[in-house]
C-alpha cells in the first residue's frame, strides 16, 4: 500500500513539474498579456490597469502573505525595483489574501511599487498560474516574454530586465 501511495505521489509531482515549467522560467512565445484592472491594495489610490503601462516593460509578480517563498522573494523584488524602476514598471498582485495581512506585510517589507489586490484569484486562468510566487515579464508592446513559477533569482531578474530594456520589440 505504501509503495502505491509513493508511486501516485511521485506521478503527481512529475505532472505538476512538467506543466509548470519545472519551477523555473518558461518562454511564452510572445503571447499578449491579458489586460486587467484591479483595486489598489493601498486604499485611496487609483486602480491598477496593465494597459496604462503600454510602451514600458512591466514585471507583474503574483504573491500572497501565506506563501513562504513569496515572503522571501519580496525584498529581492524591491531591491530590483530600486535599480530598474525608472525603466521597468513593477506591479505586485496579492492574491487570495486577507487585506489587513497584505497591507501589514507590504509595510513591513517597505515595498514601494504598486500593489494590486486579487482576492478571488480572477487572473489565475488568464495568466496560467501554476504556483506561487509567479513573475510575468511583459515587453513594452504588451507581450509576455517570460513567466517564472517559483521565486526568481537576482540573475534572472537582471538578465531579463536588461534584455527587455535594451531591445525594441
C-alpha atoms as a PDB file:
ATOM      1  CA  UNK A   1       0.000   0.000   0.000  1.00  0.00           C
ATOM      2  CA  UNK A   2       2.784   2.447   0.917  1.00  0.00           C
ATOM      3  CA  UNK A   3       4.534   1.743  -2.408  1.00  0.00           C
ATOM      4  CA  UNK A   4       1.348   2.530  -4.347  1.00  0.00           C
ATOM      5  CA  UNK A   5       0.947   5.810  -2.465  1.00  0.00           C
ATOM      6  CA  UNK A   6       4.568   6.765  -3.215  1.00  0.00           C
ATOM      7  CA  UNK A   7       4.145   5.975  -6.906  1.00  0.00           C
ATOM      8  CA  UNK A   8       0.952   8.037  -7.125  1.00  0.00           C
ATOM      9  CA  UNK A   9       2.516  10.972  -5.264  1.00  0.00           C
ATOM     10  CA  UNK A  10       5.604  10.764  -7.491  1.00  0.00           C
ATOM     11  CA  UNK A  11       3.456  10.802 -10.618  1.00  0.00           C
ATOM     12  CA  UNK A  12       1.522  13.824  -9.374  1.00  0.00           C
ATOM     13  CA  UNK A  13       4.724  15.738  -8.576  1.00  0.00           C
ATOM     14  CA  UNK A  14       6.129  14.915 -12.023  1.00  0.00           C
ATOM     15  CA  UNK A  15       2.913  16.077 -13.693  1.00  0.00           C
ATOM     16  CA  UNK A  16       2.957  19.377 -11.816  1.00  0.00           C
ATOM     17  CA  UNK A  17       6.608  19.982 -12.678  1.00  0.00           C
ATOM     18  CA  UNK A  18       6.048  19.198 -16.336  1.00  0.00           C
ATOM     19  CA  UNK A  19       3.026  21.505 -16.644  1.00  0.00           C
ATOM     20  CA  UNK A  20       4.549  24.354 -14.645  1.00  0.00           C
ATOM     21  CA  UNK A  21       7.872  24.537 -16.404  1.00  0.00           C
ATOM     22  CA  UNK A  22       9.667  22.679 -13.609  1.00  0.00           C
ATOM     23  CA  UNK A  23       9.535  25.555 -11.185  1.00  0.00           C
ATOM     24  CA  UNK A  24      11.707  27.653 -13.451  1.00  0.00           C
ATOM     25  CA  UNK A  25      11.376  30.013 -16.327  1.00  0.00           C
ATOM     26  CA  UNK A  26       9.055  29.352 -19.212  1.00  0.00           C
ATOM     27  CA  UNK A  27       9.164  31.083 -22.578  1.00  0.00           C
ATOM     28  CA  UNK A  28       5.719  32.026 -23.798  1.00  0.00           C
ATOM     29  CA  UNK A  29       6.158  32.736 -27.493  1.00  0.00           C
ATOM     30  CA  UNK A  30       5.208  36.385 -27.136  1.00  0.00           C
ATOM     31  CA  UNK A  31       1.511  35.980 -26.389  1.00  0.00           C
ATOM     32  CA  UNK A  32      -0.364  39.150 -25.477  1.00  0.00           C
ATOM     33  CA  UNK A  33      -0.561  39.764 -21.744  1.00  0.00           C
ATOM     34  CA  UNK A  34      -4.199  39.728 -20.622  1.00  0.00           C
ATOM     35  CA  UNK A  35      -5.244  43.198 -19.541  1.00  0.00           C
ATOM     36  CA  UNK A  36      -6.550  43.752 -16.039  1.00  0.00           C
ATOM     37  CA  UNK A  37      -7.838  46.476 -13.817  1.00  0.00           C
ATOM     38  CA  UNK A  38      -7.595  45.691 -10.114  1.00  0.00           C
ATOM     39  CA  UNK A  39      -8.171  47.636  -6.944  1.00  0.00           C
ATOM     40  CA  UNK A  40      -5.070  49.188  -5.489  1.00  0.00           C
ATOM     41  CA  UNK A  41      -4.174  47.362  -2.297  1.00  0.00           C
ATOM     42  CA  UNK A  42      -3.464  50.680  -0.629  1.00  0.00           C
ATOM     43  CA  UNK A  43      -6.744  52.478  -0.021  1.00  0.00           C
ATOM     44  CA  UNK A  44      -7.288  55.818  -1.667  1.00  0.00           C
ATOM     45  CA  UNK A  45      -5.005  55.168  -4.624  1.00  0.00           C
ATOM     46  CA  UNK A  46      -6.177  54.715  -8.199  1.00  0.00           C
ATOM     47  CA  UNK A  47      -6.946  51.256  -9.549  1.00  0.00           C
ATOM     48  CA  UNK A  48      -4.085  49.499 -11.324  1.00  0.00           C
ATOM     49  CA  UNK A  49      -4.580  48.886 -15.042  1.00  0.00           C
ATOM     50  CA  UNK A  50      -1.974  46.993 -17.068  1.00  0.00           C
ATOM     51  CA  UNK A  51      -2.817  48.746 -20.355  1.00  0.00           C
ATOM     52  CA  UNK A  52      -1.853  52.098 -18.850  1.00  0.00           C
ATOM     53  CA  UNK A  53       1.790  50.951 -18.830  1.00  0.00           C
ATOM     54  CA  UNK A  54       1.930  50.117 -22.561  1.00  0.00           C
ATOM     55  CA  UNK A  55       5.202  51.400 -24.005  1.00  0.00           C
ATOM     56  CA  UNK A  56       7.196  50.395 -20.920  1.00  0.00           C
ATOM     57  CA  UNK A  57       8.336  46.900 -19.904  1.00  0.00           C
ATOM     58  CA  UNK A  58       6.396  45.506 -16.932  1.00  0.00           C
ATOM     59  CA  UNK A  59       7.163  42.886 -14.300  1.00  0.00           C
ATOM     60  CA  UNK A  60       3.990  41.500 -12.717  1.00  0.00           C
ATOM     61  CA  UNK A  61       4.593  39.434  -9.579  1.00  0.00           C
ATOM     62  CA  UNK A  62       1.788  37.328  -8.093  1.00  0.00           C
ATOM     63  CA  UNK A  63       2.226  36.829  -4.326  1.00  0.00           C
ATOM     64  CA  UNK A  64       0.413  36.241  -1.038  1.00  0.00           C
ATOM     65  CA  UNK A  65       1.266  36.544   2.636  1.00  0.00           C
ATOM     66  CA  UNK A  66       0.544  32.837   3.186  1.00  0.00           C
ATOM     67  CA  UNK A  67       3.198  31.892   0.599  1.00  0.00           C
ATOM     68  CA  UNK A  68       6.585  31.485   2.314  1.00  0.00           C
ATOM     69  CA  UNK A  69       8.670  31.768  -0.899  1.00  0.00           C
ATOM     70  CA  UNK A  70       6.723  34.948  -1.738  1.00  0.00           C
ATOM     71  CA  UNK A  71       7.746  36.473   1.577  1.00  0.00           C
ATOM     72  CA  UNK A  72      11.379  35.566   0.958  1.00  0.00           C
ATOM     73  CA  UNK A  73      11.270  36.972  -2.590  1.00  0.00           C
ATOM     74  CA  UNK A  74       9.713  40.369  -1.790  1.00  0.00           C
ATOM     75  CA  UNK A  75      12.912  42.117  -0.578  1.00  0.00           C
ATOM     76  CA  UNK A  76      14.705  40.958  -3.749  1.00  0.00           C
ATOM     77  CA  UNK A  77      11.936  42.419  -5.908  1.00  0.00           C
ATOM     78  CA  UNK A  78      12.040  45.707  -4.016  1.00  0.00           C
ATOM     79  CA  UNK A  79      15.810  45.862  -4.495  1.00  0.00           C
ATOM     80  CA  UNK A  80      15.391  45.202  -8.236  1.00  0.00           C
ATOM     81  CA  UNK A  81      12.679  47.857  -8.363  1.00  0.00           C
ATOM     82  CA  UNK A  82      15.098  50.347  -6.814  1.00  0.00           C
ATOM     83  CA  UNK A  83      17.590  49.546  -9.577  1.00  0.00           C
ATOM     84  CA  UNK A  84      15.275  49.117 -12.576  1.00  0.00           C
ATOM     85  CA  UNK A  85      12.159  51.097 -11.620  1.00  0.00           C
ATOM     86  CA  UNK A  86      12.934  54.023 -13.903  1.00  0.00           C
ATOM     87  CA  UNK A  87      12.961  51.690 -16.921  1.00  0.00           C
ATOM     88  CA  UNK A  88      10.568  48.895 -15.895  1.00  0.00           C
ATOM     89  CA  UNK A  89       7.168  49.113 -14.206  1.00  0.00           C
ATOM     90  CA  UNK A  90       6.839  46.699 -11.287  1.00  0.00           C
ATOM     91  CA  UNK A  91       3.364  45.568 -10.194  1.00  0.00           C
ATOM     92  CA  UNK A  92       2.685  43.212  -7.301  1.00  0.00           C
ATOM     93  CA  UNK A  93      -0.613  41.345  -7.287  1.00  0.00           C
ATOM     94  CA  UNK A  94      -1.661  39.989  -3.912  1.00  0.00           C
ATOM     95  CA  UNK A  95      -3.976  37.044  -4.456  1.00  0.00           C
ATOM     96  CA  UNK A  96      -6.399  35.231  -2.186  1.00  0.00           C
ATOM     97  CA  UNK A  97      -5.380  37.132   0.879  1.00  0.00           C
ATOM     98  CA  UNK A  98      -6.875  38.901   3.838  1.00  0.00           C
ATOM     99  CA  UNK A  99      -6.382  42.595   3.076  1.00  0.00           C
ATOM    100  CA  UNK A 100      -5.141  43.685   6.539  1.00  0.00           C
ATOM    101  CA  UNK A 101      -2.474  40.948   6.413  1.00  0.00           C
ATOM    102  CA  UNK A 102      -1.395  42.024   2.936  1.00  0.00           C
ATOM    103  CA  UNK A 103      -1.176  45.678   3.933  1.00  0.00           C
ATOM    104  CA  UNK A 104       0.828  44.857   7.060  1.00  0.00           C
ATOM    105  CA  UNK A 105       3.213  42.716   5.025  1.00  0.00           C
ATOM    106  CA  UNK A 106       3.679  45.416   2.382  1.00  0.00           C
ATOM    107  CA  UNK A 107       4.507  47.946   5.103  1.00  0.00           C
ATOM    108  CA  UNK A 108       6.887  45.527   6.843  1.00  0.00           C
ATOM    109  CA  UNK A 109       8.833  44.860   3.631  1.00  0.00           C
ATOM    110  CA  UNK A 110       8.839  48.548   2.593  1.00  0.00           C
ATOM    111  CA  UNK A 111       7.589  47.778  -0.911  1.00  0.00           C
ATOM    112  CA  UNK A 112       7.325  50.978  -2.941  1.00  0.00           C
ATOM    113  CA  UNK A 113       5.983  49.707  -6.273  1.00  0.00           C
ATOM    114  CA  UNK A 114       2.206  49.497  -6.898  1.00  0.00           C
ATOM    115  CA  UNK A 115       0.350  46.609  -5.277  1.00  0.00           C
ATOM    116  CA  UNK A 116      -2.998  45.391  -6.545  1.00  0.00           C
ATOM    117  CA  UNK A 117      -5.480  43.103  -4.813  1.00  0.00           C
ATOM    118  CA  UNK A 118      -6.949  39.999  -6.477  1.00  0.00           C
ATOM    119  CA  UNK A 119      -8.744  38.375  -3.522  1.00  0.00           C
ATOM    120  CA  UNK A 120     -10.699  35.942  -5.709  1.00  0.00           C
ATOM    121  CA  UNK A 121      -7.752  34.951  -7.926  1.00  0.00           C
ATOM    122  CA  UNK A 122      -9.561  36.181 -11.042  1.00  0.00           C
ATOM    123  CA  UNK A 123      -6.324  36.294 -13.066  1.00  0.00           C
ATOM    124  CA  UNK A 124      -5.175  32.729 -12.355  1.00  0.00           C
ATOM    125  CA  UNK A 125      -6.526  31.267 -15.597  1.00  0.00           C
ATOM    126  CA  UNK A 126      -5.613  34.176 -17.840  1.00  0.00           C
ATOM    127  CA  UNK A 127      -2.018  34.146 -16.598  1.00  0.00           C
ATOM    128  CA  UNK A 128      -1.802  30.335 -16.344  1.00  0.00           C
ATOM    129  CA  UNK A 129      -0.662  30.432 -12.738  1.00  0.00           C
ATOM    130  CA  UNK A 130       0.653  27.055 -11.605  1.00  0.00           C
ATOM    131  CA  UNK A 131       2.224  28.027  -8.310  1.00  0.00           C
ATOM    132  CA  UNK A 132       3.276  30.843  -6.092  1.00  0.00           C
ATOM    133  CA  UNK A 133       5.060  33.121  -6.487  1.00  0.00           C
ATOM    134  CA  UNK A 134       4.871  33.705 -10.227  1.00  0.00           C
ATOM    135  CA  UNK A 135       6.600  36.530 -12.060  1.00  0.00           C
ATOM    136  CA  UNK A 136       5.481  37.526 -15.545  1.00  0.00           C
ATOM    137  CA  UNK A 137       7.772  39.680 -17.687  1.00  0.00           C
ATOM    138  CA  UNK A 138       5.892  41.759 -20.265  1.00  0.00           C
ATOM    139  CA  UNK A 139       7.614  43.733 -23.020  1.00  0.00           C
ATOM    140  CA  UNK A 140       6.807  47.323 -23.974  1.00  0.00           C
ATOM    141  CA  UNK A 141       4.351  46.047 -26.619  1.00  0.00           C
ATOM    142  CA  UNK A 142       2.297  44.148 -24.035  1.00  0.00           C
ATOM    143  CA  UNK A 143       3.602  40.674 -24.901  1.00  0.00           C
ATOM    144  CA  UNK A 144       4.670  38.105 -22.323  1.00  0.00           C
ATOM    145  CA  UNK A 145       8.334  37.279 -22.849  1.00  0.00           C
ATOM    146  CA  UNK A 146       8.869  35.062 -19.818  1.00  0.00           C
ATOM    147  CA  UNK A 147       6.989  33.504 -16.914  1.00  0.00           C
ATOM    148  CA  UNK A 148       8.813  32.264 -13.815  1.00  0.00           C
ATOM    149  CA  UNK A 149       6.943  29.942 -11.480  1.00  0.00           C
ATOM    150  CA  UNK A 150       8.636  29.938  -8.101  1.00  0.00           C
ATOM    151  CA  UNK A 151      10.997  32.526  -6.670  1.00  0.00           C
ATOM    152  CA  UNK A 152      13.096  34.462  -9.163  1.00  0.00           C
ATOM    153  CA  UNK A 153      16.821  34.842  -8.667  1.00  0.00           C
ATOM    154  CA  UNK A 154      18.687  38.116  -8.878  1.00  0.00           C
ATOM    155  CA  UNK A 155      20.420  36.944 -12.051  1.00  0.00           C
ATOM    156  CA  UNK A 156      17.049  36.030 -13.653  1.00  0.00           C
ATOM    157  CA  UNK A 157      15.738  39.479 -12.807  1.00  0.00           C
ATOM    158  CA  UNK A 158      18.794  41.348 -14.028  1.00  0.00           C
ATOM    159  CA  UNK A 159      19.241  39.313 -17.219  1.00  0.00           C
ATOM    160  CA  UNK A 160      15.587  39.511 -18.253  1.00  0.00           C
ATOM    161  CA  UNK A 161      15.099  43.168 -17.311  1.00  0.00           C
ATOM    162  CA  UNK A 162      18.313  44.128 -19.106  1.00  0.00           C
ATOM    163  CA  UNK A 163      17.168  42.334 -22.264  1.00  0.00           C
ATOM    164  CA  UNK A 164      13.718  43.938 -22.049  1.00  0.00           C
ATOM    165  CA  UNK A 165      15.125  47.459 -21.692  1.00  0.00           C
ATOM    166  CA  UNK A 166      17.873  47.202 -24.317  1.00  0.00           C
ATOM    167  CA  UNK A 167      15.870  45.926 -27.257  1.00  0.00           C
ATOM    168  CA  UNK A 168      12.939  47.406 -29.061  1.00  0.00           C
ATOM    169  CA  UNK A 169      10.144  44.900 -29.572  1.00  0.00           C
END
